Amino acid sequence: MSTQPNALYTYHQRLPMILDKIEAQRKLADDFGHPPNPIHWGARW
């Protein structure tokens, strides 16, 4: 039996941390305070 963790095991171990970071990004996006459509995002038309 191998003592080295496989990729699936590592993914399951890190999944809560990944989900926490995604939730933090969602909260930051919700607190942005501006609708995205009227903002000039740098595109030149």
Protein backbone atom coordinates (compact mmCIF):
# COMPACT_ATOMS: atom_id res chain seq x y z
CA MET A 1 0.00 0.00 0.00
CA SER A 2 1.25 3.45 -0.90
CA THR A 3 1.76 6.01 1.86
CA GLN A 4 1.66 8.90 -0.60
CA PRO A 5 -1.78 10.60 -0.74
CA ASN A 6 -3.52 10.50 -4.07
CA ALA A 7 -5.04 13.50 -5.83
CA LEU A 8 -8.63 12.73 -4.83
CA TYR A 9 -7.71 12.45 -1.16
CA THR A 10 -5.85 15.77 -1.32
CA TYR A 11 -8.79 17.43 -3.10
CA HIS A 12 -11.20 16.27 -0.41
CA GLN A 13 -8.87 17.53 2.29
CA ARG A 14 -8.61 21.00 0.70
CA LEU A 15 -12.22 21.35 -0.46
CA PRO A 16 -13.45 23.21 2.67
CA MET A 17 -10.65 25.77 2.29
CA ILE A 18 -11.49 26.22 -1.40
CA LEU A 19 -15.18 26.71 -0.64
CA ASP A 20 -14.34 29.25 2.08
CA LYS A 21 -12.30 31.27 -0.40
CA ILE A 22 -15.10 31.15 -2.97
CA GLU A 23 -17.59 32.37 -0.36
CA ALA A 24 -15.26 35.21 0.61
CA GLN A 25 -15.05 36.24 -3.05
CA ARG A 26 -18.85 36.19 -3.31
CA LYS A 27 -19.15 38.45 -0.28
CA LEU A 28 -16.63 40.88 -1.72
CA ALA A 29 -18.52 40.92 -5.02
CA ASP A 30 -21.82 41.55 -3.22
CA ASP A 31 -20.25 44.44 -1.28
CA PHE A 32 -18.93 46.04 -4.47
CA GLY A 33 -21.93 48.38 -4.43
CA HIS A 34 -22.16 49.15 -8.13
CA PRO A 35 -24.09 47.43 -10.90
CA PRO A 36 -21.56 46.02 -13.40
CA ASN A 37 -23.24 47.25 -16.61
CA PRO A 38 -22.72 51.04 -16.27
CA ILE A 39 -19.04 50.67 -15.30
CA HIS A 40 -16.45 51.29 -18.00
CA TRP A 41 -14.34 48.11 -17.95
CA GLY A 42 -11.70 49.38 -20.36
CA ALA A 43 -13.16 48.04 -23.60
CA ARG A 44 -12.82 50.34 -26.56
CA TRP A 45 -15.81 50.24 -28.84
